[in-house]
Each structure stands twice: as C-alpha cells, then as structure tokens.
C-alpha cells in the first residue's frame, strides 16, 4: 500500500485516511474520478481560501 501526497504551490494541504481493511480474495476494479463534474463521494470540509484575508500571530 502506498499513499502519496503532494502539497500545493501555497504549501497548504491535508490528508486523512480512515477505515482501512484487508481481506482475502481478488481486488475489486478501482474507481475513477477526475473531480471535473463531481466530487465522487469526497467532501471538502475546509472553508474556501480568501486571498485578501490576514492572519496575525503575536502575544496579547
């Protein structure tokens, strides 16, 4: 099993993997999704990026 993740040009990215199971037998055909027309049962839970937003970090 290989999980490969690439971070975008802005250096932001997240991956979560859950509920992996291993069974005996032939593998099912892999699914295909190019995310062009739908999200293929995936869910984007991150708010949309706003380029004009500011983040301030400091004390008090």
PDB file of N, CA and C in Angstrom:
ATOM      1  N   UNK A   1       0.850  -1.172   0.000  1.00  0.00           N
ATOM      2  CA  UNK A   1       0.000   0.000   0.000  1.00  0.00           C
ATOM      3  C   UNK A   1       0.893   1.232   0.000  1.00  0.00           C
ATOM      4  N   UNK A   2       0.592   2.174  -0.885  1.00  0.00           N
ATOM      5  CA  UNK A   2       1.355   3.416  -0.976  1.00  0.00           C
ATOM      6  C   UNK A   2       0.375   4.578  -0.942  1.00  0.00           C
ATOM      7  N   UNK A   3       0.639   5.545  -0.075  1.00  0.00           N
ATOM      8  CA  UNK A   3      -0.119   6.785  -0.044  1.00  0.00           C
ATOM      9  C   UNK A   3       0.850   7.903  -0.405  1.00  0.00           C
ATOM     10  N   UNK A   4       0.559   8.620  -1.463  1.00  0.00           N
ATOM     11  CA  UNK A   4       1.429   9.712  -1.902  1.00  0.00           C
ATOM     12  C   UNK A   4       0.641  11.010  -1.865  1.00  0.00           C
ATOM     13  N   UNK A   5       1.221  12.031  -1.252  1.00  0.00           N
ATOM     14  CA  UNK A   5       0.540  13.311  -1.099  1.00  0.00           C
ATOM     15  C   UNK A   5       1.452  14.419  -1.596  1.00  0.00           C
ATOM     16  N   UNK A   6       0.919  15.319  -2.381  1.00  0.00           N
ATOM     17  CA  UNK A   6       1.666  16.480  -2.862  1.00  0.00           C
ATOM     18  C   UNK A   6       1.048  17.741  -2.287  1.00  0.00           C
ATOM     19  N   UNK A   7       1.879  18.636  -1.776  1.00  0.00           N
ATOM     20  CA  UNK A   7       1.411  19.908  -1.236  1.00  0.00           C
ATOM     21  C   UNK A   7       1.318  20.902  -2.379  1.00  0.00           C
ATOM     22  N   UNK A   8       0.276  21.717  -2.373  1.00  0.00           N
ATOM     23  CA  UNK A   8       0.068  22.695  -3.425  1.00  0.00           C
ATOM     24  C   UNK A   8       1.105  23.803  -3.404  1.00  0.00           C
ATOM     25  N   UNK A   9       1.020  24.714  -4.361  1.00  0.00           N
ATOM     26  CA  UNK A   9       2.007  25.787  -4.504  1.00  0.00           C
ATOM     27  C   UNK A   9       2.001  26.754  -3.327  1.00  0.00           C
ATOM     28  N   UNK A  10       0.904  26.814  -2.590  1.00  0.00           N
ATOM     29  CA  UNK A  10       0.830  27.692  -1.421  1.00  0.00           C
ATOM     30  C   UNK A  10       1.280  26.976  -0.155  1.00  0.00           C
ATOM     31  N   UNK A  11       1.705  25.731  -0.274  1.00  0.00           N
ATOM     32  CA  UNK A  11       2.204  24.997   0.876  1.00  0.00           C
ATOM     33  C   UNK A  11       1.126  24.505   1.811  1.00  0.00           C
ATOM     34  N   UNK A  12      -0.110  24.425   1.350  1.00  0.00           N
ATOM     35  CA  UNK A  12      -1.219  24.012   2.202  1.00  0.00           C
ATOM     36  C   UNK A  12      -1.806  22.711   1.680  1.00  0.00           C
ATOM     37  N   UNK A  13      -2.015  21.772   2.544  1.00  0.00           N
ATOM     38  CA  UNK A  13      -2.648  20.528   2.147  1.00  0.00           C
ATOM     39  C   UNK A  13      -2.930  19.658   3.351  1.00  0.00           C
ATOM     40  N   UNK A  14      -3.937  18.815   3.241  1.00  0.00           N
ATOM     41  CA  UNK A  14      -4.300  17.898   4.312  1.00  0.00           C
ATOM     42  C   UNK A  14      -4.719  16.572   3.709  1.00  0.00           C
ATOM     43  N   UNK A  15      -4.445  15.510   4.438  1.00  0.00           N
ATOM     44  CA  UNK A  15      -4.881  14.180   4.036  1.00  0.00           C
ATOM     45  C   UNK A  15      -5.329  13.451   5.287  1.00  0.00           C
ATOM     46  N   UNK A  16      -6.422  12.741   5.184  1.00  0.00           N
ATOM     47  CA  UNK A  16      -6.891  11.912   6.295  1.00  0.00           C
ATOM     48  C   UNK A  16      -7.240  10.539   5.734  1.00  0.00           C
ATOM     49  N   UNK A  17      -6.772   9.506   6.387  1.00  0.00           N
ATOM     50  CA  UNK A  17      -7.051   8.134   5.962  1.00  0.00           C
ATOM     51  C   UNK A  17      -7.700   7.424   7.137  1.00  0.00           C
ATOM     52  N   UNK A  18      -8.806   6.759   6.881  1.00  0.00           N
ATOM     53  CA  UNK A  18      -9.543   6.103   7.948  1.00  0.00           C
ATOM     54  C   UNK A  18     -10.176   4.821   7.413  1.00  0.00           C
ATOM     55  N   UNK A  19     -10.401   3.890   8.301  1.00  0.00           N
ATOM     56  CA  UNK A  19     -11.113   2.650   7.985  1.00  0.00           C
ATOM     57  C   UNK A  19     -10.476   1.851   6.851  1.00  0.00           C
ATOM     58  N   UNK A  20      -9.273   1.403   7.061  1.00  0.00           N
ATOM     59  CA  UNK A  20      -8.591   0.539   6.099  1.00  0.00           C
ATOM     60  C   UNK A  20      -8.817  -0.903   6.537  1.00  0.00           C
ATOM     61  N   UNK A  21      -9.219  -1.751   5.608  1.00  0.00           N
ATOM     62  CA  UNK A  21      -9.396  -3.168   5.938  1.00  0.00           C
ATOM     63  C   UNK A  21      -8.708  -4.024   4.885  1.00  0.00           C
ATOM     64  N   UNK A  22      -8.214  -5.172   5.324  1.00  0.00           N
ATOM     65  CA  UNK A  22      -7.520  -6.108   4.448  1.00  0.00           C
ATOM     66  C   UNK A  22      -8.315  -7.409   4.443  1.00  0.00           C
ATOM     67  N   UNK A  23      -8.602  -7.922   3.242  1.00  0.00           N
ATOM     68  CA  UNK A  23      -9.360  -9.165   3.117  1.00  0.00           C
ATOM     69  C   UNK A  23      -8.698 -10.069   2.085  1.00  0.00           C
ATOM     70  N   UNK A  24      -9.015 -11.350   2.162  1.00  0.00           N
ATOM     71  CA  UNK A  24      -8.528 -12.313   1.170  1.00  0.00           C
ATOM     72  C   UNK A  24      -9.397 -12.246  -0.077  1.00  0.00           C
ATOM     73  N   UNK A  25      -8.795 -12.471  -1.234  1.00  0.00           N
ATOM     74  CA  UNK A  25      -9.553 -12.521  -2.473  1.00  0.00           C
ATOM     75  C   UNK A  25      -9.055 -11.501  -3.479  1.00  0.00           C
ATOM     76  N   UNK A  26      -9.674 -11.527  -4.643  1.00  0.00           N
ATOM     77  CA  UNK A  26      -9.296 -10.615  -5.726  1.00  0.00           C
ATOM     78  C   UNK A  26      -9.745  -9.200  -5.395  1.00  0.00           C
ATOM     79  N   UNK A  27      -8.974  -8.244  -5.849  1.00  0.00           N
ATOM     80  CA  UNK A  27      -9.311  -6.840  -5.626  1.00  0.00           C
ATOM     81  C   UNK A  27     -10.446  -6.427  -6.557  1.00  0.00           C
ATOM     82  N   UNK A  28     -11.335  -5.559  -6.092  1.00  0.00           N
ATOM     83  CA  UNK A  28     -12.364  -5.029  -6.993  1.00  0.00           C
ATOM     84  C   UNK A  28     -11.728  -4.056  -7.975  1.00  0.00           C
ATOM     85  N   UNK A  29     -12.432  -3.752  -9.039  1.00  0.00           N
ATOM     86  CA  UNK A  29     -11.936  -2.781 -10.007  1.00  0.00           C
ATOM     87  C   UNK A  29     -11.781  -1.431  -9.307  1.00  0.00           C
ATOM     88  N   UNK A  30     -10.684  -0.721  -9.569  1.00  0.00           N
ATOM     89  CA  UNK A  30     -10.505   0.581  -8.917  1.00  0.00           C
ATOM     90  C   UNK A  30     -11.503   1.599  -9.450  1.00  0.00           C
ATOM     91  N   UNK A  31     -11.928   2.494  -8.586  1.00  0.00           N
ATOM     92  CA  UNK A  31     -12.816   3.567  -9.010  1.00  0.00           C
ATOM     93  C   UNK A  31     -12.029   4.626  -9.759  1.00  0.00           C
ATOM     94  N   UNK A  32     -12.725   5.463 -10.476  1.00  0.00           N
ATOM     95  CA  UNK A  32     -12.059   6.538 -11.207  1.00  0.00           C
ATOM     96  C   UNK A  32     -12.812   7.838 -10.948  1.00  0.00           C
ATOM     97  N   UNK A  33     -12.084   8.885 -10.673  1.00  0.00           N
ATOM     98  CA  UNK A  33     -12.692  10.206 -10.505  1.00  0.00           C
ATOM     99  C   UNK A  33     -11.682  11.259 -10.930  1.00  0.00           C
ATOM    100  N   UNK A  34     -12.089  12.161 -11.830  1.00  0.00           N
ATOM    101  CA  UNK A  34     -11.205  13.267 -12.205  1.00  0.00           C
ATOM    102  C   UNK A  34     -11.643  14.582 -11.543  1.00  0.00           C
ATOM    103  N   UNK A  35     -12.691  14.536 -10.725  1.00  0.00           N
ATOM    104  CA  UNK A  35     -13.200  15.681  -9.972  1.00  0.00           C
ATOM    105  C   UNK A  35     -13.606  16.852 -10.862  1.00  0.00           C
ATOM    106  N   UNK A  36     -13.834  16.614 -12.138  1.00  0.00           N
ATOM    107  CA  UNK A  36     -14.245  17.688 -13.036  1.00  0.00           C
ATOM    108  C   UNK A  36     -15.744  17.963 -12.942  1.00  0.00           C
ATOM    109  N   UNK A  37     -16.563  16.914 -12.871  1.00  0.00           N
ATOM    110  CA  UNK A  37     -18.004  17.130 -12.867  1.00  0.00           C
ATOM    111  C   UNK A  37     -18.645  16.904 -11.504  1.00  0.00           C
ATOM    112  N   UNK A  38     -17.960  16.215 -10.612  1.00  0.00           N
ATOM    113  CA  UNK A  38     -18.494  15.961  -9.278  1.00  0.00           C
ATOM    114  C   UNK A  38     -17.353  15.627  -8.325  1.00  0.00           C
ATOM    115  N   UNK A  39     -17.685  15.469  -7.044  1.00  0.00           N
ATOM    116  CA  UNK A  39     -16.674  15.170  -6.030  1.00  0.00           C
ATOM    117  C   UNK A  39     -16.519  13.683  -5.756  1.00  0.00           C
ATOM    118  N   UNK A  40     -17.267  12.831  -6.448  1.00  0.00           N
ATOM    119  CA  UNK A  40     -17.112  11.375  -6.358  1.00  0.00           C
ATOM    120  C   UNK A  40     -17.170  10.870  -4.910  1.00  0.00           C
ATOM    121  N   UNK A  41     -18.153  11.324  -4.173  1.00  0.00           N
ATOM    122  CA  UNK A  41     -18.383  10.935  -2.778  1.00  0.00           C
ATOM    123  C   UNK A  41     -17.344  11.486  -1.816  1.00  0.00           C
ATOM    124  N   UNK A  42     -16.412  12.340  -2.276  1.00  0.00           N
ATOM    125  CA  UNK A  42     -15.474  13.023  -1.392  1.00  0.00           C
ATOM    126  C   UNK A  42     -16.151  14.291  -0.898  1.00  0.00           C
ATOM    127  N   UNK A  43     -15.694  14.801   0.228  1.00  0.00           N
ATOM    128  CA  UNK A  43     -16.291  16.001   0.801  1.00  0.00           C
ATOM    129  C   UNK A  43     -15.200  17.003   1.157  1.00  0.00           C
ATOM    130  N   UNK A  44     -15.347  18.234   0.688  1.00  0.00           N
ATOM    131  CA  UNK A  44     -14.406  19.297   1.019  1.00  0.00           C
ATOM    132  C   UNK A  44     -14.894  19.971   2.291  1.00  0.00           C
ATOM    133  N   UNK A  45     -14.181  19.761   3.382  1.00  0.00           N
ATOM    134  CA  UNK A  45     -14.615  20.297   4.669  1.00  0.00           C
ATOM    135  C   UNK A  45     -13.852  21.561   5.057  1.00  0.00           C
ATOM    136  N   UNK A  46     -12.933  22.016   4.230  1.00  0.00           N
ATOM    137  CA  UNK A  46     -12.164  23.228   4.505  1.00  0.00           C
ATOM    138  C   UNK A  46     -12.882  24.420   3.884  1.00  0.00           C
ATOM    139  N   UNK A  47     -12.984  25.553   4.611  1.00  0.00           N
ATOM    140  CA  UNK A  47     -13.592  26.740   4.008  1.00  0.00           C
ATOM    141  C   UNK A  47     -12.802  27.207   2.790  1.00  0.00           C
ATOM    142  N   UNK A  48     -13.463  27.885   1.894  1.00  0.00           N
ATOM    143  CA  UNK A  48     -12.810  28.395   0.690  1.00  0.00           C
ATOM    144  C   UNK A  48     -11.690  29.359   1.060  1.00  0.00           C
ATOM    145  N   UNK A  49     -10.599  29.330   0.303  1.00  0.00           N
ATOM    146  CA  UNK A  49      -9.453  30.206   0.535  1.00  0.00           C
ATOM    147  C   UNK A  49      -9.801  31.626   0.104  1.00  0.00           C
ATOM    148  N   UNK A  50      -9.521  32.589   0.960  1.00  0.00           N
ATOM    149  CA  UNK A  50      -9.743  34.000   0.645  1.00  0.00           C
ATOM    150  C   UNK A  50      -8.379  34.675   0.586  1.00  0.00           C
ATOM    151  N   UNK A  51      -7.979  35.123  -0.596  1.00  0.00           N
ATOM    152  CA  UNK A  51      -6.624  35.645  -0.777  1.00  0.00           C
ATOM    153  C   UNK A  51      -6.389  36.970  -0.054  1.00  0.00           C
ATOM    154  N   UNK A  52      -7.435  37.727   0.257  1.00  0.00           N
ATOM    155  CA  UNK A  52      -7.261  39.013   0.922  1.00  0.00           C
ATOM    156  C   UNK A  52      -7.322  38.899   2.443  1.00  0.00           C
ATOM    157  N   UNK A  53      -7.463  37.714   2.966  1.00  0.00           N
ATOM    158  CA  UNK A  53      -7.534  37.554   4.420  1.00  0.00           C
ATOM    159  C   UNK A  53      -6.153  37.732   5.036  1.00  0.00           C
ATOM    160  N   UNK A  54      -6.130  38.109   6.313  1.00  0.00           N
ATOM    161  CA  UNK A  54      -4.877  38.325   7.029  1.00  0.00           C
ATOM    162  C   UNK A  54      -4.861  37.452   8.274  1.00  0.00           C
ATOM    163  N   UNK A  55      -3.714  36.961   8.616  1.00  0.00           N
ATOM    164  CA  UNK A  55      -3.543  36.172   9.821  1.00  0.00           C
ATOM    165  C   UNK A  55      -2.499  36.861  10.687  1.00  0.00           C
ATOM    166  N   UNK A  56      -2.872  37.173  11.915  1.00  0.00           N
ATOM    167  CA  UNK A  56      -1.970  37.852  12.834  1.00  0.00           C
ATOM    168  C   UNK A  56      -1.609  36.908  13.966  1.00  0.00           C
ATOM    169  N   UNK A  57      -0.333  36.764  14.242  1.00  0.00           N
ATOM    170  CA  UNK A  57       0.144  35.912  15.318  1.00  0.00           C
ATOM    171  C   UNK A  57       1.016  36.761  16.226  1.00  0.00           C
ATOM    172  N   UNK A  58       0.727  36.737  17.507  1.00  0.00           N
ATOM    173  CA  UNK A  58       1.534  37.512  18.435  1.00  0.00           C
ATOM    174  C   UNK A  58       1.020  37.366  19.856  1.00  0.00           C
ATOM    175  N   UNK A  59       1.675  38.026  20.776  1.00  0.00           N
ATOM    176  CA  UNK A  59       1.275  37.988  22.178  1.00  0.00           C
ATOM    177  C   UNK A  59       0.377  39.177  22.488  1.00  0.00           C
ATOM    178  N   UNK A  60      -0.590  38.933  23.401  1.00  0.00           N
ATOM    179  CA  UNK A  60      -1.516  39.967  23.893  1.00  0.00           C
ATOM    180  C   UNK A  60      -2.237  40.639  22.750  1.00  0.00           C
TER     181      UNK A  60
END
